């Protein structure tokens, strides 16, 4: 009998999904399948997660033991511009997947965000009441509720600002800062108000797979269920990240980078919480002690590899 955990990773062509799939493929006890749709490629299966009959057929055919749901609309501005599509992907889809997972005995993990909090009283633990400030955060909170309503055995992992190996600079809200850091011909105002806790996708991937493995070893039937948080403890503003990138790339004079001391306002701006630091206590309580690579070390090595 095959003792491997058959794991499905949605959004496996995205920033987090790629690393979850790569880490899963390193673990001898996991047999991983990656799903994608808009950015599909060799080695991944194509599945439209909004197509309920196709989703049902996939579960019936593959019979996975676990699913990590990374696919989502993660950009607050895009969410505001297309609320209907965002609610479909961030709320309805996780509810559908969670329901099918329950029917097929599949352990389901939904990826959520620090943006479910208003940022006024950090650090946040899982007992703290969510209060999203923007539409994106509300859809992710609604996705949590849809997941846990459809599947009480599911888990939710809230994550902070993520970074990692990127395919294009705009793929994450961290790597996009390389553009202004390198552009010394123009002056760029960079947010110096919102405190972020940038966390490497490699570290989050390890936590997710640890959750899957611990759940698979459960003998009392409780499993790893409910809400969890993961976050680096290193605080930085986007301005500090941008200055670091410029200096690391050999740009000694960073006068082209100006610290914006007021949050963006006007048409197209999205309200963002000031400080949504997440506590790792919930993971520690189930035996996971997350470790986090140094932001400066990771980026220095990555930019010069």
C-alpha atoms as a PDB file:
ATOM      1  CA  UNK A   1       0.000   0.000   0.000  1.00  0.00           C
ATOM      2  CA  UNK A   2       1.311   3.443  -0.968  1.00  0.00           C
ATOM      3  CA  UNK A   3       2.025   5.403   2.219  1.00  0.00           C
ATOM      4  CA  UNK A   4       2.658   8.684   0.418  1.00  0.00           C
ATOM      5  CA  UNK A   5       0.332  11.632   0.937  1.00  0.00           C
ATOM      6  CA  UNK A   6      -1.240  12.606  -2.375  1.00  0.00           C
ATOM      7  CA  UNK A   7      -1.207  16.412  -2.266  1.00  0.00           C
ATOM      8  CA  UNK A   8      -2.753  18.904  -4.681  1.00  0.00           C
ATOM      9  CA  UNK A   9      -1.465  22.493  -4.824  1.00  0.00           C
ATOM     10  CA  UNK A  10      -3.699  25.051  -6.532  1.00  0.00           C
ATOM     11  CA  UNK A  11      -2.155  28.185  -7.970  1.00  0.00           C
ATOM     12  CA  UNK A  12       1.014  26.183  -8.516  1.00  0.00           C
ATOM     13  CA  UNK A  13       2.337  28.633 -11.102  1.00  0.00           C
ATOM     14  CA  UNK A  14       2.195  31.537  -8.633  1.00  0.00           C
ATOM     15  CA  UNK A  15       4.749  32.929  -6.202  1.00  0.00           C
ATOM     16  CA  UNK A  16       3.738  30.805  -3.197  1.00  0.00           C
ATOM     17  CA  UNK A  17       2.326  27.833  -5.089  1.00  0.00           C
ATOM     18  CA  UNK A  18       5.587  27.236  -6.980  1.00  0.00           C
ATOM     19  CA  UNK A  19       7.542  26.990  -3.750  1.00  0.00           C
ATOM     20  CA  UNK A  20       4.952  24.777  -2.042  1.00  0.00           C
ATOM     21  CA  UNK A  21       5.116  22.390  -5.009  1.00  0.00           C
ATOM     22  CA  UNK A  22       8.939  22.493  -5.108  1.00  0.00           C
ATOM     23  CA  UNK A  23       9.205  21.795  -1.364  1.00  0.00           C
ATOM     24  CA  UNK A  24       6.625  19.002  -1.596  1.00  0.00           C
ATOM     25  CA  UNK A  25       8.653  17.337  -4.331  1.00  0.00           C
ATOM     26  CA  UNK A  26      11.633  17.200  -1.963  1.00  0.00           C
ATOM     27  CA  UNK A  27       9.694  15.240   0.670  1.00  0.00           C
ATOM     28  CA  UNK A  28       9.761  11.473   0.205  1.00  0.00           C
ATOM     29  CA  UNK A  29       6.382  10.975   1.859  1.00  0.00           C
ATOM     30  CA  UNK A  30       4.469  13.379  -0.429  1.00  0.00           C
ATOM     31  CA  UNK A  31       3.314  12.857  -4.019  1.00  0.00           C
ATOM     32  CA  UNK A  32       2.356  16.307  -5.303  1.00  0.00           C
ATOM     33  CA  UNK A  33       0.183  17.501  -8.188  1.00  0.00           C
ATOM     34  CA  UNK A  34       0.258  21.159  -9.208  1.00  0.00           C
ATOM     35  CA  UNK A  35      -2.778  22.921 -10.673  1.00  0.00           C
ATOM     36  CA  UNK A  36      -2.853  26.156 -12.640  1.00  0.00           C
ATOM     37  CA  UNK A  37      -5.081  27.915 -15.122  1.00  0.00           C
ATOM     38  CA  UNK A  38      -4.098  31.357 -16.403  1.00  0.00           C
ATOM     39  CA  UNK A  39      -0.339  30.728 -16.198  1.00  0.00           C
ATOM     40  CA  UNK A  40      -0.225  27.000 -16.902  1.00  0.00           C
ATOM     41  CA  UNK A  41       2.955  25.285 -18.033  1.00  0.00           C
ATOM     42  CA  UNK A  42       4.611  21.901 -18.457  1.00  0.00           C
ATOM     43  CA  UNK A  43       4.429  19.734 -15.362  1.00  0.00           C
ATOM     44  CA  UNK A  44       1.157  21.248 -14.129  1.00  0.00           C
ATOM     45  CA  UNK A  45      -2.426  20.166 -14.686  1.00  0.00           C
ATOM     46  CA  UNK A  46      -4.852  22.755 -16.015  1.00  0.00           C
ATOM     47  CA  UNK A  47      -8.095  23.195 -14.078  1.00  0.00           C
ATOM     48  CA  UNK A  48     -10.588  26.055 -14.019  1.00  0.00           C
ATOM     49  CA  UNK A  49     -11.464  26.209 -10.321  1.00  0.00           C
ATOM     50  CA  UNK A  50     -14.610  28.210 -11.104  1.00  0.00           C
ATOM     51  CA  UNK A  51     -15.988  25.262 -13.136  1.00  0.00           C
ATOM     52  CA  UNK A  52     -17.821  23.222 -10.481  1.00  0.00           C
ATOM     53  CA  UNK A  53     -18.436  20.102 -12.618  1.00  0.00           C
ATOM     54  CA  UNK A  54     -14.734  20.048 -13.579  1.00  0.00           C
ATOM     55  CA  UNK A  55     -13.731  20.412  -9.929  1.00  0.00           C
ATOM     56  CA  UNK A  56     -16.022  17.552  -8.892  1.00  0.00           C
ATOM     57  CA  UNK A  57     -14.631  15.375 -11.664  1.00  0.00           C
ATOM     58  CA  UNK A  58     -11.061  16.186 -10.614  1.00  0.00           C
ATOM     59  CA  UNK A  59     -11.667  15.134  -7.004  1.00  0.00           C
ATOM     60  CA  UNK A  60     -13.407  11.935  -8.090  1.00  0.00           C
ATOM     61  CA  UNK A  61     -10.547  11.054 -10.437  1.00  0.00           C
ATOM     62  CA  UNK A  62      -7.505  12.025  -8.381  1.00  0.00           C
ATOM     63  CA  UNK A  63      -8.812  11.325  -4.846  1.00  0.00           C
ATOM     64  CA  UNK A  64      -6.184  13.537  -3.153  1.00  0.00           C
ATOM     65  CA  UNK A  65      -5.491  13.185   0.552  1.00  0.00           C
ATOM     66  CA  UNK A  66      -4.614  16.859   0.961  1.00  0.00           C
ATOM     67  CA  UNK A  67      -5.026  20.150  -0.907  1.00  0.00           C
ATOM     68  CA  UNK A  68      -3.255  23.468  -0.312  1.00  0.00           C
ATOM     69  CA  UNK A  69      -5.243  26.234  -1.960  1.00  0.00           C
ATOM     70  CA  UNK A  70      -2.857  29.007  -3.049  1.00  0.00           C
ATOM     71  CA  UNK A  71      -4.856  30.349  -6.009  1.00  0.00           C
ATOM     72  CA  UNK A  72      -6.404  33.760  -5.284  1.00  0.00           C
ATOM     73  CA  UNK A  73      -6.694  37.362  -6.357  1.00  0.00           C
ATOM     74  CA  UNK A  74      -4.071  38.900  -4.058  1.00  0.00           C
ATOM     75  CA  UNK A  75      -3.855  42.463  -5.433  1.00  0.00           C
ATOM     76  CA  UNK A  76      -6.059  44.979  -3.545  1.00  0.00           C
ATOM     77  CA  UNK A  77      -6.245  47.412  -6.464  1.00  0.00           C
ATOM     78  CA  UNK A  78      -7.275  44.693  -8.916  1.00  0.00           C
ATOM     79  CA  UNK A  79      -9.836  43.433  -6.412  1.00  0.00           C
ATOM     80  CA  UNK A  80     -11.430  46.891  -6.302  1.00  0.00           C
ATOM     81  CA  UNK A  81     -11.445  47.141 -10.091  1.00  0.00           C
ATOM     82  CA  UNK A  82     -13.169  43.770 -10.598  1.00  0.00           C
ATOM     83  CA  UNK A  83     -15.145  42.927  -7.462  1.00  0.00           C
ATOM     84  CA  UNK A  84     -17.304  40.240  -9.082  1.00  0.00           C
ATOM     85  CA  UNK A  85     -14.361  38.212 -10.373  1.00  0.00           C
ATOM     86  CA  UNK A  86     -12.528  38.698  -7.076  1.00  0.00           C
ATOM     87  CA  UNK A  87     -15.429  37.408  -4.991  1.00  0.00           C
ATOM     88  CA  UNK A  88     -15.754  34.421  -7.308  1.00  0.00           C
ATOM     89  CA  UNK A  89     -12.091  33.482  -6.891  1.00  0.00           C
ATOM     90  CA  UNK A  90     -11.553  34.492  -3.254  1.00  0.00           C
ATOM     91  CA  UNK A  91     -14.898  33.445  -1.739  1.00  0.00           C
ATOM     92  CA  UNK A  92     -16.943  31.076  -3.897  1.00  0.00           C
ATOM     93  CA  UNK A  93     -14.068  28.910  -5.147  1.00  0.00           C
ATOM     94  CA  UNK A  94     -12.635  28.068  -1.697  1.00  0.00           C
ATOM     95  CA  UNK A  95     -16.137  27.161  -0.529  1.00  0.00           C
ATOM     96  CA  UNK A  96     -16.531  24.780  -3.463  1.00  0.00           C
ATOM     97  CA  UNK A  97     -13.117  23.206  -2.926  1.00  0.00           C
ATOM     98  CA  UNK A  98     -13.620  22.871   0.826  1.00  0.00           C
ATOM     99  CA  UNK A  99     -16.970  21.141   0.286  1.00  0.00           C
ATOM    100  CA  UNK A 100     -15.529  18.664  -2.216  1.00  0.00           C
ATOM    101  CA  UNK A 101     -12.552  18.072   0.074  1.00  0.00           C
ATOM    102  CA  UNK A 102     -14.888  17.126   2.926  1.00  0.00           C
ATOM    103  CA  UNK A 103     -16.856  14.762   0.679  1.00  0.00           C
ATOM    104  CA  UNK A 104     -13.674  12.996  -0.452  1.00  0.00           C
ATOM    105  CA  UNK A 105     -11.828  12.962   2.881  1.00  0.00           C
ATOM    106  CA  UNK A 106      -9.249  15.444   1.600  1.00  0.00           C
ATOM    107  CA  UNK A 107      -7.451  17.648   4.131  1.00  0.00           C
ATOM    108  CA  UNK A 108      -7.934  21.250   2.935  1.00  0.00           C
ATOM    109  CA  UNK A 109      -5.782  24.302   3.715  1.00  0.00           C
ATOM    110  CA  UNK A 110      -6.906  27.772   2.624  1.00  0.00           C
ATOM    111  CA  UNK A 111      -4.345  30.577   2.365  1.00  0.00           C
ATOM    112  CA  UNK A 112      -5.580  33.858   3.826  1.00  0.00           C
ATOM    113  CA  UNK A 113      -3.946  37.168   4.674  1.00  0.00           C
ATOM    114  CA  UNK A 114      -2.922  39.608   7.381  1.00  0.00           C
ATOM    115  CA  UNK A 115      -5.283  42.085   5.705  1.00  0.00           C
ATOM    116  CA  UNK A 116      -8.243  40.596   7.578  1.00  0.00           C
ATOM    117  CA  UNK A 117      -7.126  42.891  10.445  1.00  0.00           C
ATOM    118  CA  UNK A 118      -7.316  46.680  10.696  1.00  0.00           C
ATOM    119  CA  UNK A 119      -3.722  47.115  11.908  1.00  0.00           C
ATOM    120  CA  UNK A 120      -4.577  49.160  15.000  1.00  0.00           C
ATOM    121  CA  UNK A 121      -3.678  46.699  17.753  1.00  0.00           C
ATOM    122  CA  UNK A 122      -0.844  44.315  16.776  1.00  0.00           C
ATOM    123  CA  UNK A 123       0.413  41.692  17.195  1.00  0.00           C
ATOM    124  CA  UNK A 124      -2.600  39.636  16.164  1.00  0.00           C
ATOM    125  CA  UNK A 125      -3.389  36.158  17.402  1.00  0.00           C
ATOM    126  CA  UNK A 126      -6.066  33.825  16.087  1.00  0.00           C
ATOM    127  CA  UNK A 127      -8.503  34.850  18.846  1.00  0.00           C
ATOM    128  CA  UNK A 128      -8.446  38.494  17.734  1.00  0.00           C
ATOM    129  CA  UNK A 129     -11.493  39.719  15.839  1.00  0.00           C
ATOM    130  CA  UNK A 130     -10.889  40.408  12.145  1.00  0.00           C
ATOM    131  CA  UNK A 131     -11.808  43.848  10.827  1.00  0.00           C
ATOM    132  CA  UNK A 132     -10.626  44.316   7.244  1.00  0.00           C
ATOM    133  CA  UNK A 133     -10.142  47.848   5.964  1.00  0.00           C
ATOM    134  CA  UNK A 134     -10.442  47.117   2.255  1.00  0.00           C
ATOM    135  CA  UNK A 135     -12.450  44.981  -0.154  1.00  0.00           C
ATOM    136  CA  UNK A 136      -9.591  42.543  -0.775  1.00  0.00           C
ATOM    137  CA  UNK A 137      -9.251  41.817   2.949  1.00  0.00           C
ATOM    138  CA  UNK A 138     -13.010  41.365   3.234  1.00  0.00           C
ATOM    139  CA  UNK A 139     -13.055  38.809   0.408  1.00  0.00           C
ATOM    140  CA  UNK A 140     -10.276  36.831   2.042  1.00  0.00           C
ATOM    141  CA  UNK A 141     -12.122  36.869   5.363  1.00  0.00           C
ATOM    142  CA  UNK A 142     -15.301  35.790   3.584  1.00  0.00           C
ATOM    143  CA  UNK A 143     -13.242  33.033   1.951  1.00  0.00           C
ATOM    144  CA  UNK A 144     -12.165  31.849   5.400  1.00  0.00           C
ATOM    145  CA  UNK A 145     -15.774  31.757   6.559  1.00  0.00           C
ATOM    146  CA  UNK A 146     -16.901  29.939   3.409  1.00  0.00           C
ATOM    147  CA  UNK A 147     -14.116  27.382   3.852  1.00  0.00           C
ATOM    148  CA  UNK A 148     -14.814  26.594   7.493  1.00  0.00           C
ATOM    149  CA  UNK A 149     -18.592  26.552   6.992  1.00  0.00           C
ATOM    150  CA  UNK A 150     -18.293  24.044   4.138  1.00  0.00           C
ATOM    151  CA  UNK A 151     -15.597  21.993   5.864  1.00  0.00           C
ATOM    152  CA  UNK A 152     -15.149  22.101   9.660  1.00  0.00           C
ATOM    153  CA  UNK A 153     -12.071  19.890   9.292  1.00  0.00           C
ATOM    154  CA  UNK A 154     -10.269  22.445   7.114  1.00  0.00           C
ATOM    155  CA  UNK A 155      -7.457  24.794   8.109  1.00  0.00           C
ATOM    156  CA  UNK A 156      -6.812  28.450   7.328  1.00  0.00           C
ATOM    157  CA  UNK A 157      -3.276  29.869   7.277  1.00  0.00           C
ATOM    158  CA  UNK A 158      -3.021  33.656   7.349  1.00  0.00           C
ATOM    159  CA  UNK A 159       0.204  34.960   5.824  1.00  0.00           C
ATOM    160  CA  UNK A 160       1.884  38.392   5.658  1.00  0.00           C
ATOM    161  CA  UNK A 161       3.634  40.117   2.755  1.00  0.00           C
ATOM    162  CA  UNK A 162       5.485  37.404   0.822  1.00  0.00           C
ATOM    163  CA  UNK A 163       8.644  37.387  -1.246  1.00  0.00           C
ATOM    164  CA  UNK A 164      10.614  34.726  -3.064  1.00  0.00           C
ATOM    165  CA  UNK A 165      11.981  33.717  -6.473  1.00  0.00           C
ATOM    166  CA  UNK A 166      10.014  35.758  -9.004  1.00  0.00           C
ATOM    167  CA  UNK A 167       9.303  35.399 -12.715  1.00  0.00           C
ATOM    168  CA  UNK A 168       8.848  39.141 -13.240  1.00  0.00           C
ATOM    169  CA  UNK A 169       9.459  42.087 -10.915  1.00  0.00           C
ATOM    170  CA  UNK A 170       5.781  42.874 -10.465  1.00  0.00           C
ATOM    171  CA  UNK A 171       4.953  39.377  -9.245  1.00  0.00           C
ATOM    172  CA  UNK A 172       5.083  40.413  -5.587  1.00  0.00           C
ATOM    173  CA  UNK A 173       4.710  43.644  -3.638  1.00  0.00           C
ATOM    174  CA  UNK A 174       8.345  43.208  -2.565  1.00  0.00           C
ATOM    175  CA  UNK A 175      10.088  42.431  -5.855  1.00  0.00           C
ATOM    176  CA  UNK A 176       8.198  45.265  -7.555  1.00  0.00           C
ATOM    177  CA  UNK A 177      10.272  47.647  -5.412  1.00  0.00           C
ATOM    178  CA  UNK A 178      13.367  46.706  -7.419  1.00  0.00           C
ATOM    179  CA  UNK A 179      12.041  48.957 -10.208  1.00  0.00           C
ATOM    180  CA  UNK A 180      12.144  52.264  -8.327  1.00  0.00           C
ATOM    181  CA  UNK A 181      15.282  51.179  -6.460  1.00  0.00           C
ATOM    182  CA  UNK A 182      17.156  50.907  -9.773  1.00  0.00           C
ATOM    183  CA  UNK A 183      15.550  53.910 -11.466  1.00  0.00           C
ATOM    184  CA  UNK A 184      17.839  56.762 -10.402  1.00  0.00           C
ATOM    185  CA  UNK A 185      16.579  59.015 -13.209  1.00  0.00           C
ATOM    186  CA  UNK A 186      13.280  59.679 -11.471  1.00  0.00           C
ATOM    187  CA  UNK A 187      12.119  60.498  -7.954  1.00  0.00           C
ATOM    188  CA  UNK A 188       9.911  57.857  -6.350  1.00  0.00           C
ATOM    189  CA  UNK A 189       7.774  58.330  -3.256  1.00  0.00           C
ATOM    190  CA  UNK A 190       7.741  55.043  -1.342  1.00  0.00           C
ATOM    191  CA  UNK A 191       5.460  54.221   1.580  1.00  0.00           C
ATOM    192  CA  UNK A 192       7.258  54.711   4.889  1.00  0.00           C
ATOM    193  CA  UNK A 193       4.159  54.393   7.087  1.00  0.00           C
ATOM    194  CA  UNK A 194       2.810  50.862   6.773  1.00  0.00           C
ATOM    195  CA  UNK A 195       4.873  48.386   8.790  1.00  0.00           C
ATOM    196  CA  UNK A 196       5.234  45.063   7.008  1.00  0.00           C
ATOM    197  CA  UNK A 197       6.725  41.724   8.016  1.00  0.00           C
ATOM    198  CA  UNK A 198       8.101  40.341   4.743  1.00  0.00           C
ATOM    199  CA  UNK A 199       8.274  36.554   4.849  1.00  0.00           C
ATOM    200  CA  UNK A 200       9.956  34.189   2.408  1.00  0.00           C
ATOM    201  CA  UNK A 201       7.698  31.766   0.533  1.00  0.00           C
ATOM    202  CA  UNK A 202      10.214  28.985   1.200  1.00  0.00           C
ATOM    203  CA  UNK A 203       9.530  29.281   4.934  1.00  0.00           C
ATOM    204  CA  UNK A 204       5.753  29.420   4.464  1.00  0.00           C
ATOM    205  CA  UNK A 205       5.892  26.373   2.187  1.00  0.00           C
ATOM    206  CA  UNK A 206       7.684  24.398   4.902  1.00  0.00           C
ATOM    207  CA  UNK A 207       4.998  25.357   7.434  1.00  0.00           C
ATOM    208  CA  UNK A 208       2.198  24.322   5.077  1.00  0.00           C
ATOM    209  CA  UNK A 209       3.734  20.929   4.406  1.00  0.00           C
ATOM    210  CA  UNK A 210       4.395  20.414   8.107  1.00  0.00           C
ATOM    211  CA  UNK A 211       0.679  21.045   8.687  1.00  0.00           C
ATOM    212  CA  UNK A 212      -0.204  18.446   6.066  1.00  0.00           C
ATOM    213  CA  UNK A 213       2.184  15.897   7.566  1.00  0.00           C
ATOM    214  CA  UNK A 214       1.028  16.465  11.152  1.00  0.00           C
ATOM    215  CA  UNK A 215      -2.591  16.161  10.066  1.00  0.00           C
ATOM    216  CA  UNK A 216      -1.747  12.917   8.268  1.00  0.00           C
ATOM    217  CA  UNK A 217      -0.202  11.465  11.426  1.00  0.00           C
ATOM    218  CA  UNK A 218      -3.193  12.382  13.599  1.00  0.00           C
ATOM    219  CA  UNK A 219      -4.533   9.389  15.488  1.00  0.00           C
ATOM    220  CA  UNK A 220      -7.372  10.910  17.515  1.00  0.00           C
ATOM    221  CA  UNK A 221      -9.350  12.274  14.585  1.00  0.00           C
ATOM    222  CA  UNK A 222      -9.001  15.941  15.535  1.00  0.00           C
ATOM    223  CA  UNK A 223      -6.495  16.867  12.859  1.00  0.00           C
ATOM    224  CA  UNK A 224      -4.928  20.263  12.202  1.00  0.00           C
ATOM    225  CA  UNK A 225      -8.028  22.381  11.781  1.00  0.00           C
ATOM    226  CA  UNK A 226      -9.114  25.974  12.306  1.00  0.00           C
ATOM    227  CA  UNK A 227      -7.151  29.200  11.894  1.00  0.00           C
ATOM    228  CA  UNK A 228      -3.362  29.601  12.098  1.00  0.00           C
ATOM    229  CA  UNK A 229      -0.907  32.458  11.586  1.00  0.00           C
ATOM    230  CA  UNK A 230       2.625  32.509  10.207  1.00  0.00           C
ATOM    231  CA  UNK A 231       4.921  35.519   9.930  1.00  0.00           C
ATOM    232  CA  UNK A 232       8.513  36.608  10.142  1.00  0.00           C
ATOM    233  CA  UNK A 233       9.210  38.951  13.043  1.00  0.00           C
ATOM    234  CA  UNK A 234      11.410  41.294  10.954  1.00  0.00           C
ATOM    235  CA  UNK A 235       9.578  44.599  10.481  1.00  0.00           C
ATOM    236  CA  UNK A 236      10.239  46.893   7.514  1.00  0.00           C
ATOM    237  CA  UNK A 237       8.466  49.596   5.566  1.00  0.00           C
ATOM    238  CA  UNK A 238       8.480  49.494   1.785  1.00  0.00           C
ATOM    239  CA  UNK A 239      10.758  52.540   1.843  1.00  0.00           C
ATOM    240  CA  UNK A 240      13.300  50.622   3.951  1.00  0.00           C
ATOM    241  CA  UNK A 241      13.113  47.652   1.568  1.00  0.00           C
ATOM    242  CA  UNK A 242      13.597  49.924  -1.428  1.00  0.00           C
ATOM    243  CA  UNK A 243      16.642  51.643   0.076  1.00  0.00           C
ATOM    244  CA  UNK A 244      18.098  48.232   0.945  1.00  0.00           C
ATOM    245  CA  UNK A 245      17.651  47.056  -2.664  1.00  0.00           C
ATOM    246  CA  UNK A 246      19.313  50.181  -4.045  1.00  0.00           C
ATOM    247  CA  UNK A 247      22.303  49.937  -1.711  1.00  0.00           C
ATOM    248  CA  UNK A 248      22.656  46.198  -2.298  1.00  0.00           C
ATOM    249  CA  UNK A 249      22.723  46.839  -6.042  1.00  0.00           C
ATOM    250  CA  UNK A 250      25.570  49.313  -5.544  1.00  0.00           C
ATOM    251  CA  UNK A 251      23.566  52.543  -5.659  1.00  0.00           C
ATOM    252  CA  UNK A 252      25.138  54.553  -2.849  1.00  0.00           C
ATOM    253  CA  UNK A 253      23.075  57.719  -3.390  1.00  0.00           C
ATOM    254  CA  UNK A 254      19.414  56.955  -2.726  1.00  0.00           C
ATOM    255  CA  UNK A 255      18.122  60.523  -3.013  1.00  0.00           C
ATOM    256  CA  UNK A 256      15.784  59.331  -5.784  1.00  0.00           C
ATOM    257  CA  UNK A 257      13.841  57.458  -3.100  1.00  0.00           C
ATOM    258  CA  UNK A 258      11.643  59.684  -0.934  1.00  0.00           C
ATOM    259  CA  UNK A 259       9.907  58.454   2.202  1.00  0.00           C
ATOM    260  CA  UNK A 260       6.148  59.003   1.876  1.00  0.00           C
ATOM    261  CA  UNK A 261       4.927  59.807   5.375  1.00  0.00           C
ATOM    262  CA  UNK A 262       1.232  59.923   4.499  1.00  0.00           C
ATOM    263  CA  UNK A 263      -0.798  56.995   3.157  1.00  0.00           C
ATOM    264  CA  UNK A 264      -1.853  57.233  -0.511  1.00  0.00           C
ATOM    265  CA  UNK A 265      -5.115  59.077  -1.128  1.00  0.00           C
ATOM    266  CA  UNK A 266      -7.269  59.985  -4.071  1.00  0.00           C
ATOM    267  CA  UNK A 267      -8.703  57.983  -6.959  1.00  0.00           C
ATOM    268  CA  UNK A 268      -7.410  54.439  -7.223  1.00  0.00           C
ATOM    269  CA  UNK A 269      -5.858  54.324  -3.763  1.00  0.00           C
ATOM    270  CA  UNK A 270      -6.731  51.470  -1.413  1.00  0.00           C
ATOM    271  CA  UNK A 271      -6.809  51.837   2.367  1.00  0.00           C
ATOM    272  CA  UNK A 272      -4.265  49.544   3.982  1.00  0.00           C
ATOM    273  CA  UNK A 273      -3.731  48.655   7.659  1.00  0.00           C
ATOM    274  CA  UNK A 274      -0.715  50.220   9.376  1.00  0.00           C
ATOM    275  CA  UNK A 275       0.648  47.213  11.276  1.00  0.00           C
ATOM    276  CA  UNK A 276      -0.796  43.704  10.997  1.00  0.00           C
ATOM    277  CA  UNK A 277       1.948  41.703  12.662  1.00  0.00           C
ATOM    278  CA  UNK A 278       0.814  38.087  13.111  1.00  0.00           C
ATOM    279  CA  UNK A 279       1.708  35.943  16.108  1.00  0.00           C
ATOM    280  CA  UNK A 280       3.121  32.451  15.443  1.00  0.00           C
ATOM    281  CA  UNK A 281       1.715  31.067  18.701  1.00  0.00           C
ATOM    282  CA  UNK A 282      -0.998  29.001  17.005  1.00  0.00           C
ATOM    283  CA  UNK A 283       1.602  27.032  15.041  1.00  0.00           C
ATOM    284  CA  UNK A 284       3.786  26.534  18.086  1.00  0.00           C
ATOM    285  CA  UNK A 285       0.811  24.994  19.881  1.00  0.00           C
ATOM    286  CA  UNK A 286       0.641  22.178  17.311  1.00  0.00           C
ATOM    287  CA  UNK A 287       4.378  21.535  17.394  1.00  0.00           C
ATOM    288  CA  UNK A 288       5.529  23.709  14.492  1.00  0.00           C
ATOM    289  CA  UNK A 289       8.311  26.164  15.317  1.00  0.00           C
ATOM    290  CA  UNK A 290       8.661  28.175  12.107  1.00  0.00           C
ATOM    291  CA  UNK A 291      12.087  29.458  11.127  1.00  0.00           C
ATOM    292  CA  UNK A 292      12.646  32.455   8.897  1.00  0.00           C
ATOM    293  CA  UNK A 293      15.539  33.364   6.650  1.00  0.00           C
ATOM    294  CA  UNK A 294      16.971  36.861   7.023  1.00  0.00           C
ATOM    295  CA  UNK A 295      15.404  39.266   4.508  1.00  0.00           C
ATOM    296  CA  UNK A 296      18.769  40.875   3.807  1.00  0.00           C
ATOM    297  CA  UNK A 297      20.585  37.551   3.478  1.00  0.00           C
ATOM    298  CA  UNK A 298      18.023  36.016   1.129  1.00  0.00           C
ATOM    299  CA  UNK A 299      17.882  38.992  -1.200  1.00  0.00           C
ATOM    300  CA  UNK A 300      21.644  39.499  -1.277  1.00  0.00           C
ATOM    301  CA  UNK A 301      22.155  35.880  -2.279  1.00  0.00           C
ATOM    302  CA  UNK A 302      19.251  35.884  -4.764  1.00  0.00           C
ATOM    303  CA  UNK A 303      20.227  39.090  -6.553  1.00  0.00           C
ATOM    304  CA  UNK A 304      23.813  37.919  -7.085  1.00  0.00           C
ATOM    305  CA  UNK A 305      23.312  34.219  -7.755  1.00  0.00           C
END
